[in-house]
Amino acid sequence: MPKASKGVLVECDPAIKAIILKIDQEKNEYIVEDLDDTHLMVKDSKVQALKAKLDEELKNAVSYPDDDDDSDRG
């Protein structure tokens, strides 16, 4: 008999999806189903936690130049 799971359809570009898959790889607690290149089914109860983890990963992956360096230039 098929098993039903409550989830949220997430659409994202392949780069973001790769990060989400990496996050889920640790404990397999977020993704219900990997549908295609740009769609995932995520557990309804884990969407907010996944967003927080994704924000953290993106902040760690992107470096911003310091504003102090620009003030020294004339």
PDB file of N, CA and C in Angstrom:
ATOM      1  N   MET A   1       0.835  -1.183   0.000  1.00  0.00           N
ATOM      2  CA  MET A   1       0.000   0.000   0.000  1.00  0.00           C
ATOM      3  C   MET A   1       0.878   1.245   0.000  1.00  0.00           C
ATOM      4  N   PRO A   2       0.567   2.248  -0.839  1.00  0.00           N
ATOM      5  CA  PRO A   2       1.366   3.480  -0.887  1.00  0.00           C
ATOM      6  C   PRO A   2       1.311   4.248   0.427  1.00  0.00           C
ATOM      7  N   LYS A   3       2.396   4.921   0.700  1.00  0.00           N
ATOM      8  CA  LYS A   3       2.494   5.732   1.912  1.00  0.00           C
ATOM      9  C   LYS A   3       2.440   7.205   1.520  1.00  0.00           C
ATOM     10  N   ALA A   4       1.600   7.982   2.185  1.00  0.00           N
ATOM     11  CA  ALA A   4       1.472   9.412   1.907  1.00  0.00           C
ATOM     12  C   ALA A   4       2.288  10.203   2.927  1.00  0.00           C
ATOM     13  N   SER A   5       2.936  11.238   2.434  1.00  0.00           N
ATOM     14  CA  SER A   5       3.701  12.128   3.303  1.00  0.00           C
ATOM     15  C   SER A   5       3.302  13.558   3.008  1.00  0.00           C
ATOM     16  N   LYS A   6       3.147  14.350   4.043  1.00  0.00           N
ATOM     17  CA  LYS A   6       2.812  15.753   3.877  1.00  0.00           C
ATOM     18  C   LYS A   6       4.086  16.513   3.551  1.00  0.00           C
ATOM     19  N   GLY A   7       4.043  17.313   2.479  1.00  0.00           N
ATOM     20  CA  GLY A   7       5.241  18.035   2.080  1.00  0.00           C
ATOM     21  C   GLY A   7       4.926  19.323   1.352  1.00  0.00           C
ATOM     22  N   VAL A   8       5.983  20.068   1.077  1.00  0.00           N
ATOM     23  CA  VAL A   8       5.911  21.337   0.367  1.00  0.00           C
ATOM     24  C   VAL A   8       6.747  21.213  -0.895  1.00  0.00           C
ATOM     25  N   LEU A   9       6.175  21.628  -2.019  1.00  0.00           N
ATOM     26  CA  LEU A   9       6.911  21.618  -3.274  1.00  0.00           C
ATOM     27  C   LEU A   9       7.832  22.831  -3.311  1.00  0.00           C
ATOM     28  N   VAL A  10       9.120  22.574  -3.489  1.00  0.00           N
ATOM     29  CA  VAL A  10      10.121  23.635  -3.541  1.00  0.00           C
ATOM     30  C   VAL A  10      10.676  23.686  -4.955  1.00  0.00           C
ATOM     31  N   GLU A  11      10.649  24.889  -5.541  1.00  0.00           N
ATOM     32  CA  GLU A  11      11.236  25.113  -6.863  1.00  0.00           C
ATOM     33  C   GLU A  11      12.437  26.023  -6.693  1.00  0.00           C
ATOM     34  N   CYS A  12      13.566  25.623  -7.251  1.00  0.00           N
ATOM     35  CA  CYS A  12      14.793  26.412  -7.135  1.00  0.00           C
ATOM     36  C   CYS A  12      15.699  26.100  -8.314  1.00  0.00           C
ATOM     37  N   ASP A  13      16.732  26.910  -8.480  1.00  0.00           N
ATOM     38  CA  ASP A  13      17.663  26.624  -9.566  1.00  0.00           C
ATOM     39  C   ASP A  13      18.577  25.465  -9.153  1.00  0.00           C
ATOM     40  N   PRO A  14      19.211  24.826 -10.112  1.00  0.00           N
ATOM     41  CA  PRO A  14      20.031  23.639  -9.813  1.00  0.00           C
ATOM     42  C   PRO A  14      21.154  23.891  -8.800  1.00  0.00           C
ATOM     43  N   ALA A  15      21.723  25.079  -8.779  1.00  0.00           N
ATOM     44  CA  ALA A  15      22.803  25.366  -7.826  1.00  0.00           C
ATOM     45  C   ALA A  15      22.287  25.353  -6.384  1.00  0.00           C
ATOM     46  N   ILE A  16      21.139  25.973  -6.162  1.00  0.00           N
ATOM     47  CA  ILE A  16      20.536  25.985  -4.825  1.00  0.00           C
ATOM     48  C   ILE A  16      20.090  24.576  -4.445  1.00  0.00           C
ATOM     49  N   LYS A  17      19.547  23.849  -5.416  1.00  0.00           N
ATOM     50  CA  LYS A  17      19.120  22.476  -5.147  1.00  0.00           C
ATOM     51  C   LYS A  17      20.305  21.623  -4.696  1.00  0.00           C
ATOM     52  N   ALA A  18      21.460  21.822  -5.304  1.00  0.00           N
ATOM     53  CA  ALA A  18      22.654  21.069  -4.919  1.00  0.00           C
ATOM     54  C   ALA A  18      23.031  21.354  -3.467  1.00  0.00           C
ATOM     55  N   ILE A  19      22.894  22.595  -3.040  1.00  0.00           N
ATOM     56  CA  ILE A  19      23.191  22.951  -1.648  1.00  0.00           C
ATOM     57  C   ILE A  19      22.176  22.288  -0.717  1.00  0.00           C
ATOM     58  N   ILE A  20      20.897  22.311  -1.094  1.00  0.00           N
ATOM     59  CA  ILE A  20      19.859  21.674  -0.275  1.00  0.00           C
ATOM     60  C   ILE A  20      20.118  20.170  -0.162  1.00  0.00           C
ATOM     61  N   LEU A  21      20.481  19.535  -1.262  1.00  0.00           N
ATOM     62  CA  LEU A  21      20.791  18.101  -1.225  1.00  0.00           C
ATOM     63  C   LEU A  21      21.970  17.811  -0.300  1.00  0.00           C
ATOM     64  N   LYS A  22      22.967  18.697  -0.322  1.00  0.00           N
ATOM     65  CA  LYS A  22      24.133  18.545   0.558  1.00  0.00           C
ATOM     66  C   LYS A  22      23.722  18.663   2.026  1.00  0.00           C
ATOM     67  N   ILE A  23      22.851  19.625   2.318  1.00  0.00           N
ATOM     68  CA  ILE A  23      22.361  19.805   3.687  1.00  0.00           C
ATOM     69  C   ILE A  23      21.604  18.550   4.138  1.00  0.00           C
ATOM     70  N   ASP A  24      20.759  18.025   3.273  1.00  0.00           N
ATOM     71  CA  ASP A  24      19.935  16.869   3.619  1.00  0.00           C
ATOM     72  C   ASP A  24      20.750  15.584   3.714  1.00  0.00           C
ATOM     73  N   GLN A  25      21.879  15.551   3.059  1.00  0.00           N
ATOM     74  CA  GLN A  25      22.725  14.363   3.023  1.00  0.00           C
ATOM     75  C   GLN A  25      23.185  13.938   4.428  1.00  0.00           C
ATOM     76  N   GLU A  26      23.329  14.888   5.326  1.00  0.00           N
ATOM     77  CA  GLU A  26      23.836  14.603   6.670  1.00  0.00           C
ATOM     78  C   GLU A  26      22.907  13.675   7.461  1.00  0.00           C
ATOM     79  N   LYS A  27      21.599  14.014   7.505  1.00  0.00           N
ATOM     80  CA  LYS A  27      20.659  13.254   8.338  1.00  0.00           C
ATOM     81  C   LYS A  27      19.414  12.785   7.590  1.00  0.00           C
ATOM     82  N   ASN A  28      19.254  13.185   6.343  1.00  0.00           N
ATOM     83  CA  ASN A  28      18.057  12.843   5.559  1.00  0.00           C
ATOM     84  C   ASN A  28      16.768  13.222   6.285  1.00  0.00           C
ATOM     85  N   GLU A  29      16.734  14.450   6.821  1.00  0.00           N
ATOM     86  CA  GLU A  29      15.563  14.861   7.592  1.00  0.00           C
ATOM     87  C   GLU A  29      14.695  15.909   6.902  1.00  0.00           C
ATOM     88  N   TYR A  30      15.083  16.383   5.727  1.00  0.00           N
ATOM     89  CA  TYR A  30      14.338  17.456   5.082  1.00  0.00           C
ATOM     90  C   TYR A  30      13.582  17.017   3.825  1.00  0.00           C
ATOM     91  N   ILE A  31      14.226  16.291   2.941  1.00  0.00           N
ATOM     92  CA  ILE A  31      13.666  15.989   1.625  1.00  0.00           C
ATOM     93  C   ILE A  31      12.844  14.704   1.656  1.00  0.00           C
ATOM     94  N   VAL A  32      11.613  14.808   1.126  1.00  0.00           N
ATOM     95  CA  VAL A  32      10.751  13.645   0.958  1.00  0.00           C
ATOM     96  C   VAL A  32      11.070  12.979  -0.372  1.00  0.00           C
ATOM     97  N   GLU A  33      11.190  13.809  -1.436  1.00  0.00           N
ATOM     98  CA  GLU A  33      11.430  13.273  -2.769  1.00  0.00           C
ATOM     99  C   GLU A  33      12.188  14.284  -3.624  1.00  0.00           C
ATOM    100  N   ASP A  34      13.170  13.818  -4.350  1.00  0.00           N
ATOM    101  CA  ASP A  34      13.900  14.616  -5.339  1.00  0.00           C
ATOM    102  C   ASP A  34      13.187  14.391  -6.672  1.00  0.00           C
ATOM    103  N   LEU A  35      12.482  15.416  -7.166  1.00  0.00           N
ATOM    104  CA  LEU A  35      11.598  15.228  -8.312  1.00  0.00           C
ATOM    105  C   LEU A  35      12.291  15.401  -9.661  1.00  0.00           C
ATOM    106  N   ASP A  36      12.998  16.508  -9.854  1.00  0.00           N
ATOM    107  CA  ASP A  36      13.714  16.745 -11.108  1.00  0.00           C
ATOM    108  C   ASP A  36      14.810  17.775 -10.850  1.00  0.00           C
ATOM    109  N   ASP A  37      15.338  18.386 -11.902  1.00  0.00           N
ATOM    110  CA  ASP A  37      16.463  19.318 -11.756  1.00  0.00           C
ATOM    111  C   ASP A  37      16.150  20.553 -10.919  1.00  0.00           C
ATOM    112  N   THR A  38      14.885  20.942 -10.864  1.00  0.00           N
ATOM    113  CA  THR A  38      14.549  22.191 -10.170  1.00  0.00           C
ATOM    114  C   THR A  38      13.453  22.035  -9.117  1.00  0.00           C
ATOM    115  N   HIS A  39      13.031  20.820  -8.808  1.00  0.00           N
ATOM    116  CA  HIS A  39      11.935  20.617  -7.854  1.00  0.00           C
ATOM    117  C   HIS A  39      12.278  19.555  -6.812  1.00  0.00           C
ATOM    118  N   LEU A  40      11.891  19.859  -5.580  1.00  0.00           N
ATOM    119  CA  LEU A  40      12.037  18.932  -4.456  1.00  0.00           C
ATOM    120  C   LEU A  40      10.738  18.941  -3.655  1.00  0.00           C
ATOM    121  N   MET A  41      10.418  17.826  -3.028  1.00  0.00           N
ATOM    122  CA  MET A  41       9.342  17.785  -2.048  1.00  0.00           C
ATOM    123  C   MET A  41      10.009  17.743  -0.685  1.00  0.00           C
ATOM    124  N   VAL A  42       9.705  18.752   0.149  1.00  0.00           N
ATOM    125  CA  VAL A  42      10.338  18.895   1.460  1.00  0.00           C
ATOM    126  C   VAL A  42       9.289  18.672   2.546  1.00  0.00           C
ATOM    127  N   LYS A  43       9.685  18.033   3.629  1.00  0.00           N
ATOM    128  CA  LYS A  43       8.769  17.802   4.746  1.00  0.00           C
ATOM    129  C   LYS A  43       8.213  19.130   5.229  1.00  0.00           C
ATOM    130  N   ASP A  44       6.898  19.163   5.382  1.00  0.00           N
ATOM    131  CA  ASP A  44       6.190  20.384   5.777  1.00  0.00           C
ATOM    132  C   ASP A  44       6.735  20.954   7.096  1.00  0.00           C
ATOM    133  N   SER A  45       7.013  20.085   8.035  1.00  0.00           N
ATOM    134  CA  SER A  45       7.469  20.523   9.361  1.00  0.00           C
ATOM    135  C   SER A  45       8.919  20.997   9.374  1.00  0.00           C
ATOM    136  N   LYS A  46       9.646  20.797   8.275  1.00  0.00           N
ATOM    137  CA  LYS A  46      11.077  21.117   8.248  1.00  0.00           C
ATOM    138  C   LYS A  46      11.424  22.288   7.323  1.00  0.00           C
ATOM    139  N   VAL A  47      10.433  22.930   6.717  1.00  0.00           N
ATOM    140  CA  VAL A  47      10.703  23.990   5.738  1.00  0.00           C
ATOM    141  C   VAL A  47      11.463  25.156   6.376  1.00  0.00           C
ATOM    142  N   GLN A  48      11.011  25.632   7.516  1.00  0.00           N
ATOM    143  CA  GLN A  48      11.661  26.780   8.157  1.00  0.00           C
ATOM    144  C   GLN A  48      13.091  26.448   8.579  1.00  0.00           C
ATOM    145  N   ALA A  49      13.294  25.256   9.102  1.00  0.00           N
ATOM    146  CA  ALA A  49      14.647  24.842   9.508  1.00  0.00           C
ATOM    147  C   ALA A  49      15.558  24.737   8.285  1.00  0.00           C
ATOM    148  N   LEU A  50      15.021  24.233   7.179  1.00  0.00           N
ATOM    149  CA  LEU A  50      15.816  24.128   5.955  1.00  0.00           C
ATOM    150  C   LEU A  50      16.172  25.511   5.419  1.00  0.00           C
ATOM    151  N   LYS A  51      15.228  26.446   5.475  1.00  0.00           N
ATOM    152  CA  LYS A  51      15.515  27.826   5.043  1.00  0.00           C
ATOM    153  C   LYS A  51      16.653  28.429   5.864  1.00  0.00           C
ATOM    154  N   ALA A  52      16.623  28.199   7.166  1.00  0.00           N
ATOM    155  CA  ALA A  52      17.672  28.734   8.047  1.00  0.00           C
ATOM    156  C   ALA A  52      19.029  28.120   7.708  1.00  0.00           C
ATOM    157  N   LYS A  53      19.056  26.804   7.492  1.00  0.00           N
ATOM    158  CA  LYS A  53      20.307  26.133   7.119  1.00  0.00           C
ATOM    159  C   LYS A  53      20.818  26.639   5.776  1.00  0.00           C
ATOM    160  N   LEU A  54      19.917  26.824   4.821  1.00  0.00           N
ATOM    161  CA  LEU A  54      20.298  27.311   3.497  1.00  0.00           C
ATOM    162  C   LEU A  54      20.859  28.723   3.590  1.00  0.00           C
ATOM    163  N   ASP A  55      20.220  29.587   4.355  1.00  0.00           N
ATOM    164  CA  ASP A  55      20.740  30.950   4.556  1.00  0.00           C
ATOM    165  C   ASP A  55      22.148  30.912   5.138  1.00  0.00           C
ATOM    166  N   GLU A  56      22.359  30.035   6.106  1.00  0.00           N
ATOM    167  CA  GLU A  56      23.671  29.906   6.735  1.00  0.00           C
ATOM    168  C   GLU A  56      24.722  29.438   5.722  1.00  0.00           C
ATOM    169  N   GLU A  57      24.367  28.447   4.916  1.00  0.00           N
ATOM    170  CA  GLU A  57      25.291  27.946   3.890  1.00  0.00           C
ATOM    171  C   GLU A  57      25.634  29.034   2.876  1.00  0.00           C
ATOM    172  N   LEU A  58      24.626  29.800   2.456  1.00  0.00           N
ATOM    173  CA  LEU A  58      24.858  30.856   1.475  1.00  0.00           C
ATOM    174  C   LEU A  58      25.727  31.971   2.048  1.00  0.00           C
ATOM    175  N   LYS A  59      25.524  32.313   3.309  1.00  0.00           N
ATOM    176  CA  LYS A  59      26.352  33.335   3.946  1.00  0.00           C
ATOM    177  C   LYS A  59      27.803  32.875   4.039  1.00  0.00           C
ATOM    178  N   ASN A  60      28.003  31.596   4.315  1.00  0.00           N
ATOM    179  CA  ASN A  60      29.360  31.057   4.415  1.00  0.00           C
ATOM    180  C   ASN A  60      30.030  30.951   3.048  1.00  0.00           C
ATOM    181  N   ALA A  61      29.237  30.761   2.003  1.00  0.00           N
ATOM    182  CA  ALA A  61      29.787  30.574   0.659  1.00  0.00           C
ATOM    183  C   ALA A  61      30.119  31.885  -0.038  1.00  0.00           C
ATOM    184  N   VAL A  62      29.455  32.970   0.367  1.00  0.00           N
ATOM    185  CA  VAL A  62      29.636  34.260  -0.300  1.00  0.00           C
ATOM    186  C   VAL A  62      30.430  35.181   0.612  1.00  0.00           C
ATOM    187  N   SER A  63      31.510  35.745   0.087  1.00  0.00           N
ATOM    188  CA  SER A  63      32.280  36.708   0.866  1.00  0.00           C
ATOM    189  C   SER A  63      32.038  38.101   0.320  1.00  0.00           C
ATOM    190  N   TYR A  64      31.920  39.036   1.220  1.00  0.00           N
ATOM    191  CA  TYR A  64      31.682  40.425   0.845  1.00  0.00           C
ATOM    192  C   TYR A  64      32.917  41.251   1.156  1.00  0.00           C
ATOM    193  N   PRO A  65      33.257  42.206   0.286  1.00  0.00           N
ATOM    194  CA  PRO A  65      34.410  43.073   0.575  1.00  0.00           C
ATOM    195  C   PRO A  65      34.109  43.973   1.773  1.00  0.00           C
ATOM    196  N   ASP A  66      35.146  44.280   2.533  1.00  0.00           N
ATOM    197  CA  ASP A  66      34.984  45.166   3.684  1.00  0.00           C
ATOM    198  C   ASP A  66      34.753  46.584   3.211  1.00  0.00           C
ATOM    199  N   ASP A  67      33.852  47.289   3.880  1.00  0.00           N
ATOM    200  CA  ASP A  67      33.575  48.686   3.547  1.00  0.00           C
ATOM    201  C   ASP A  67      34.748  49.585   3.935  1.00  0.00           C
ATOM    202  N   ASP A  68      35.544  49.169   4.922  1.00  0.00           N
ATOM    203  CA  ASP A  68      36.659  49.972   5.406  1.00  0.00           C
ATOM    204  C   ASP A  68      37.719  50.173   4.327  1.00  0.00           C
ATOM    205  N   ASP A  69      37.881  49.184   3.439  1.00  0.00           N
ATOM    206  CA  ASP A  69      38.899  49.285   2.394  1.00  0.00           C
ATOM    207  C   ASP A  69      38.585  50.416   1.419  1.00  0.00           C
ATOM    208  N   ASP A  70      37.312  50.667   1.150  1.00  0.00           N
ATOM    209  CA  ASP A  70      36.908  51.703   0.213  1.00  0.00           C
ATOM    210  C   ASP A  70      37.129  53.110   0.789  1.00  0.00           C
ATOM    211  N   SER A  71      37.066  53.265   2.109  1.00  0.00           N
ATOM    212  CA  SER A  71      37.205  54.584   2.709  1.00  0.00           C
ATOM    213  C   SER A  71      38.635  55.114   2.623  1.00  0.00           C
ATOM    214  N   ASP A  72      39.615  54.210   2.455  1.00  0.00           N
ATOM    215  CA  ASP A  72      40.998  54.619   2.356  1.00  0.00           C
ATOM    216  C   ASP A  72      41.355  55.170   0.979  1.00  0.00           C
ATOM    217  N   ARG A  73      40.507  54.882   0.022  1.00  0.00           N
ATOM    218  CA  ARG A  73      40.782  55.356  -1.350  1.00  0.00           C
ATOM    219  C   ARG A  73      40.169  56.716  -1.565  1.00  0.00           C
ATOM    220  N   GLY A  74      40.868  57.524  -2.229  1.00  0.00           N
ATOM    221  CA  GLY A  74      40.514  58.870  -2.336  1.00  0.00           C
ATOM    222  C   GLY A  74      39.633  59.432  -3.247  1.00  0.00           C
TER     223      GLY A  74
END
